[in-house]
Amino acid sequence: MKAEGEAAQIDRVIDRLAIGTPAVTPAEVERVVRSIHARFVDSRVREFIPLLVEKAARRHFAEQSTPPVDHVAAAWAAAVVESPS
């Protein structure tokens, strides 16, 4: 893959994710995508890099949107459900 082709595909990844993740600013989407893309700088096989970057970025945003688990509340809720009436 030519470098300009890969760059154009990364730009399209940024556009898709900016539209698909409205809770995240376009600037943050671009920062995350470019950061992930930079991890592949030394990769010799380039064909699937845009796909891998998009998948990693989607995973990143999904993990960021998941609220942290309150383990105490979760344990209490489980105990309430399991207790006999």
N, C-alpha and C. Protein backbone atom coordinates (compact mmCIF):
# COMPACT_ATOMS: atom_id res chain seq x y z
N MET A 1 0.85 -1.17 0.00
CA MET A 1 0.00 0.00 0.00
C MET A 1 0.89 1.23 0.00
N LYS A 2 0.55 2.18 -0.80
CA LYS A 2 1.31 3.43 -0.83
C LYS A 2 0.98 4.25 0.40
N ALA A 3 1.95 5.03 0.84
CA ALA A 3 1.78 5.83 2.06
C ALA A 3 0.59 6.78 1.96
N GLU A 4 0.40 7.42 0.79
CA GLU A 4 -0.73 8.35 0.67
C GLU A 4 -2.06 7.60 0.73
N GLY A 5 -2.09 6.36 0.25
CA GLY A 5 -3.31 5.56 0.35
C GLY A 5 -3.63 5.23 1.80
N GLU A 6 -2.62 4.88 2.55
CA GLU A 6 -2.81 4.58 3.97
C GLU A 6 -3.24 5.83 4.72
N ALA A 7 -2.61 6.96 4.42
CA ALA A 7 -2.96 8.22 5.09
C ALA A 7 -4.41 8.59 4.81
N ALA A 8 -4.86 8.40 3.58
CA ALA A 8 -6.25 8.70 3.23
C ALA A 8 -7.20 7.77 3.97
N GLN A 9 -6.82 6.50 4.10
CA GLN A 9 -7.67 5.56 4.83
C GLN A 9 -7.73 5.92 6.31
N ILE A 10 -6.63 6.35 6.88
CA ILE A 10 -6.63 6.77 8.29
C ILE A 10 -7.52 8.00 8.47
N ASP A 11 -7.48 8.92 7.51
CA ASP A 11 -8.36 10.09 7.56
C ASP A 11 -9.82 9.66 7.54
N ARG A 12 -10.15 8.65 6.73
CA ARG A 12 -11.53 8.16 6.68
C ARG A 12 -11.92 7.46 8.00
N VAL A 13 -10.97 6.77 8.61
CA VAL A 13 -11.22 6.16 9.93
C VAL A 13 -11.58 7.26 10.93
N ILE A 14 -10.81 8.34 10.91
CA ILE A 14 -11.08 9.46 11.82
C ILE A 14 -12.48 10.02 11.57
N ASP A 15 -12.83 10.21 10.30
CA ASP A 15 -14.16 10.73 9.96
C ASP A 15 -15.26 9.80 10.46
N ARG A 16 -15.12 8.50 10.21
CA ARG A 16 -16.15 7.54 10.64
C ARG A 16 -16.31 7.53 12.15
N LEU A 17 -15.18 7.51 12.85
CA LEU A 17 -15.26 7.46 14.31
C LEU A 17 -15.77 8.77 14.91
N ALA A 18 -15.44 9.89 14.28
CA ALA A 18 -15.95 11.18 14.77
C ALA A 18 -17.47 11.23 14.67
N ILE A 19 -18.01 10.64 13.61
CA ILE A 19 -19.47 10.59 13.44
C ILE A 19 -20.07 9.53 14.38
N GLY A 20 -19.39 8.41 14.52
CA GLY A 20 -19.93 7.28 15.29
C GLY A 20 -19.76 7.37 16.79
N THR A 21 -18.96 8.32 17.26
CA THR A 21 -18.77 8.48 18.70
C THR A 21 -19.03 9.93 19.09
N PRO A 22 -20.31 10.34 19.09
CA PRO A 22 -20.63 11.74 19.33
C PRO A 22 -20.26 12.24 20.73
N ALA A 23 -20.04 11.33 21.67
CA ALA A 23 -19.67 11.76 23.02
C ALA A 23 -18.20 12.18 23.10
N VAL A 24 -17.45 11.93 22.04
CA VAL A 24 -16.02 12.25 22.00
C VAL A 24 -15.82 13.35 20.96
N THR A 25 -15.01 14.34 21.31
CA THR A 25 -14.76 15.43 20.36
C THR A 25 -13.98 14.91 19.16
N PRO A 26 -14.20 15.52 18.00
CA PRO A 26 -13.43 15.13 16.81
C PRO A 26 -11.92 15.25 17.03
N ALA A 27 -11.50 16.24 17.78
CA ALA A 27 -10.07 16.40 18.06
C ALA A 27 -9.53 15.23 18.87
N GLU A 28 -10.31 14.75 19.83
CA GLU A 28 -9.89 13.60 20.64
C GLU A 28 -9.87 12.33 19.79
N VAL A 29 -10.86 12.18 18.92
CA VAL A 29 -10.87 11.03 18.01
C VAL A 29 -9.60 11.04 17.17
N GLU A 30 -9.28 12.19 16.60
CA GLU A 30 -8.08 12.27 15.77
C GLU A 30 -6.82 11.97 16.58
N ARG A 31 -6.74 12.49 17.78
CA ARG A 31 -5.57 12.25 18.63
C ARG A 31 -5.39 10.77 18.91
N VAL A 32 -6.48 10.10 19.27
CA VAL A 32 -6.42 8.67 19.60
C VAL A 32 -6.05 7.86 18.36
N VAL A 33 -6.69 8.14 17.24
CA VAL A 33 -6.42 7.38 16.02
C VAL A 33 -4.97 7.56 15.58
N ARG A 34 -4.50 8.78 15.59
CA ARG A 34 -3.11 9.03 15.16
C ARG A 34 -2.11 8.39 16.14
N SER A 35 -2.44 8.38 17.41
CA SER A 35 -1.58 7.74 18.40
C SER A 35 -1.51 6.23 18.16
N ILE A 36 -2.65 5.63 17.92
CA ILE A 36 -2.67 4.19 17.63
C ILE A 36 -1.94 3.90 16.33
N HIS A 37 -2.18 4.72 15.33
CA HIS A 37 -1.52 4.54 14.03
C HIS A 37 0.00 4.60 14.18
N ALA A 38 0.48 5.46 15.04
CA ALA A 38 1.93 5.61 15.24
C ALA A 38 2.56 4.33 15.78
N ARG A 39 1.78 3.51 16.45
CA ARG A 39 2.32 2.24 16.97
C ARG A 39 2.74 1.29 15.86
N PHE A 40 2.19 1.49 14.67
CA PHE A 40 2.45 0.61 13.54
C PHE A 40 3.53 1.14 12.61
N VAL A 41 4.25 2.15 13.02
CA VAL A 41 5.21 2.82 12.14
C VAL A 41 6.26 1.86 11.59
N ASP A 42 6.67 0.88 12.36
CA ASP A 42 7.72 -0.05 11.91
C ASP A 42 7.18 -1.33 11.29
N SER A 43 5.88 -1.43 11.12
CA SER A 43 5.28 -2.64 10.54
C SER A 43 5.63 -2.73 9.07
N ARG A 44 6.04 -3.91 8.65
CA ARG A 44 6.42 -4.09 7.24
C ARG A 44 5.20 -4.35 6.37
N VAL A 45 4.24 -5.09 6.87
CA VAL A 45 3.02 -5.35 6.11
C VAL A 45 2.03 -4.26 6.46
N ARG A 46 1.64 -3.46 5.47
CA ARG A 46 0.86 -2.25 5.72
C ARG A 46 -0.62 -2.38 5.34
N GLU A 47 -1.00 -3.44 4.64
CA GLU A 47 -2.34 -3.52 4.05
C GLU A 47 -3.48 -3.41 5.06
N PHE A 48 -3.30 -3.99 6.22
CA PHE A 48 -4.41 -4.05 7.18
C PHE A 48 -4.29 -3.04 8.31
N ILE A 49 -3.31 -2.19 8.24
CA ILE A 49 -3.10 -1.24 9.34
C ILE A 49 -4.31 -0.33 9.57
N PRO A 50 -4.91 0.26 8.54
CA PRO A 50 -6.10 1.10 8.83
C PRO A 50 -7.21 0.32 9.54
N LEU A 51 -7.42 -0.93 9.16
CA LEU A 51 -8.43 -1.76 9.82
C LEU A 51 -8.06 -2.02 11.28
N LEU A 52 -6.80 -2.34 11.52
CA LEU A 52 -6.35 -2.59 12.89
C LEU A 52 -6.44 -1.33 13.75
N VAL A 53 -6.11 -0.19 13.15
CA VAL A 53 -6.19 1.08 13.87
C VAL A 53 -7.64 1.38 14.24
N GLU A 54 -8.55 1.19 13.29
CA GLU A 54 -9.96 1.46 13.56
C GLU A 54 -10.49 0.54 14.66
N LYS A 55 -10.14 -0.72 14.59
CA LYS A 55 -10.60 -1.67 15.61
C LYS A 55 -10.07 -1.28 16.99
N ALA A 56 -8.80 -0.94 17.07
CA ALA A 56 -8.21 -0.55 18.36
C ALA A 56 -8.83 0.73 18.89
N ALA A 57 -9.11 1.68 18.00
CA ALA A 57 -9.72 2.94 18.43
C ALA A 57 -11.15 2.71 18.92
N ARG A 58 -11.90 1.88 18.21
CA ARG A 58 -13.27 1.57 18.66
C ARG A 58 -13.24 0.91 20.05
N ARG A 59 -12.30 -0.01 20.24
CA ARG A 59 -12.17 -0.67 21.54
C ARG A 59 -11.81 0.36 22.62
N HIS A 60 -10.91 1.27 22.29
CA HIS A 60 -10.52 2.32 23.24
C HIS A 60 -11.73 3.15 23.67
N PHE A 61 -12.52 3.59 22.69
CA PHE A 61 -13.68 4.43 23.02
C PHE A 61 -14.75 3.64 23.76
N ALA A 62 -14.91 2.37 23.44
CA ALA A 62 -15.89 1.53 24.16
C ALA A 62 -15.47 1.36 25.61
N GLU A 63 -14.18 1.16 25.84
CA GLU A 63 -13.69 1.02 27.21
C GLU A 63 -13.83 2.32 27.99
N GLN A 64 -13.65 3.44 27.31
CA GLN A 64 -13.76 4.74 27.97
C GLN A 64 -15.20 5.06 28.33
N SER A 65 -16.15 4.54 27.56
CA SER A 65 -17.56 4.88 27.81
C SER A 65 -18.20 3.96 28.84
N THR A 66 -17.54 2.86 29.19
CA THR A 66 -18.08 1.95 30.18
C THR A 66 -17.82 2.52 31.57
N PRO A 67 -18.87 2.76 32.35
CA PRO A 67 -18.64 3.32 33.68
C PRO A 67 -17.90 2.32 34.56
N PRO A 68 -17.08 2.81 35.47
CA PRO A 68 -16.37 1.91 36.36
C PRO A 68 -17.35 1.16 37.26
N VAL A 69 -17.00 -0.05 37.58
CA VAL A 69 -17.86 -0.88 38.42
C VAL A 69 -17.66 -0.49 39.88
N ASP A 70 -18.76 -0.25 40.54
CA ASP A 70 -18.72 -0.01 41.98
C ASP A 70 -18.86 -1.39 42.62
N HIS A 71 -17.75 -1.98 43.03
CA HIS A 71 -17.75 -3.35 43.52
C HIS A 71 -18.59 -3.52 44.78
N VAL A 72 -18.62 -2.53 45.63
CA VAL A 72 -19.43 -2.62 46.85
C VAL A 72 -20.91 -2.66 46.49
N ALA A 73 -21.33 -1.76 45.60
CA ALA A 73 -22.73 -1.73 45.18
C ALA A 73 -23.10 -3.01 44.44
N ALA A 74 -22.20 -3.52 43.61
CA ALA A 74 -22.48 -4.75 42.88
C ALA A 74 -22.62 -5.93 43.84
N ALA A 75 -21.77 -6.01 44.84
CA ALA A 75 -21.85 -7.09 45.83
C ALA A 75 -23.14 -6.98 46.63
N TRP A 76 -23.50 -5.77 47.01
CA TRP A 76 -24.73 -5.56 47.77
C TRP A 76 -25.94 -5.96 46.94
N ALA A 77 -25.96 -5.56 45.67
CA ALA A 77 -27.08 -5.90 44.79
C ALA A 77 -27.18 -7.40 44.61
N ALA A 78 -26.06 -8.08 44.48
CA ALA A 78 -26.06 -9.53 44.34
C ALA A 78 -26.59 -10.19 45.61
N ALA A 79 -26.22 -9.67 46.76
CA ALA A 79 -26.68 -10.23 48.03
C ALA A 79 -28.18 -10.04 48.19
N VAL A 80 -28.69 -8.90 47.78
CA VAL A 80 -30.13 -8.63 47.88
C VAL A 80 -30.90 -9.58 46.99
N VAL A 81 -30.40 -9.82 45.78
CA VAL A 81 -31.08 -10.70 44.84
C VAL A 81 -31.07 -12.14 45.36
N GLU A 82 -29.99 -12.56 45.98
CA GLU A 82 -29.84 -13.94 46.44
C GLU A 82 -30.51 -14.22 47.78
N SER A 83 -30.83 -13.18 48.56
CA SER A 83 -31.40 -13.42 49.89
C SER A 83 -32.82 -13.96 49.77
N PRO A 84 -33.17 -14.91 50.65
CA PRO A 84 -34.53 -15.47 50.61
C PRO A 84 -35.55 -14.44 51.09
N SER A 85 -36.73 -14.51 50.52
CA SER A 85 -37.79 -13.56 50.88
C SER A 85 -38.56 -14.02 52.07
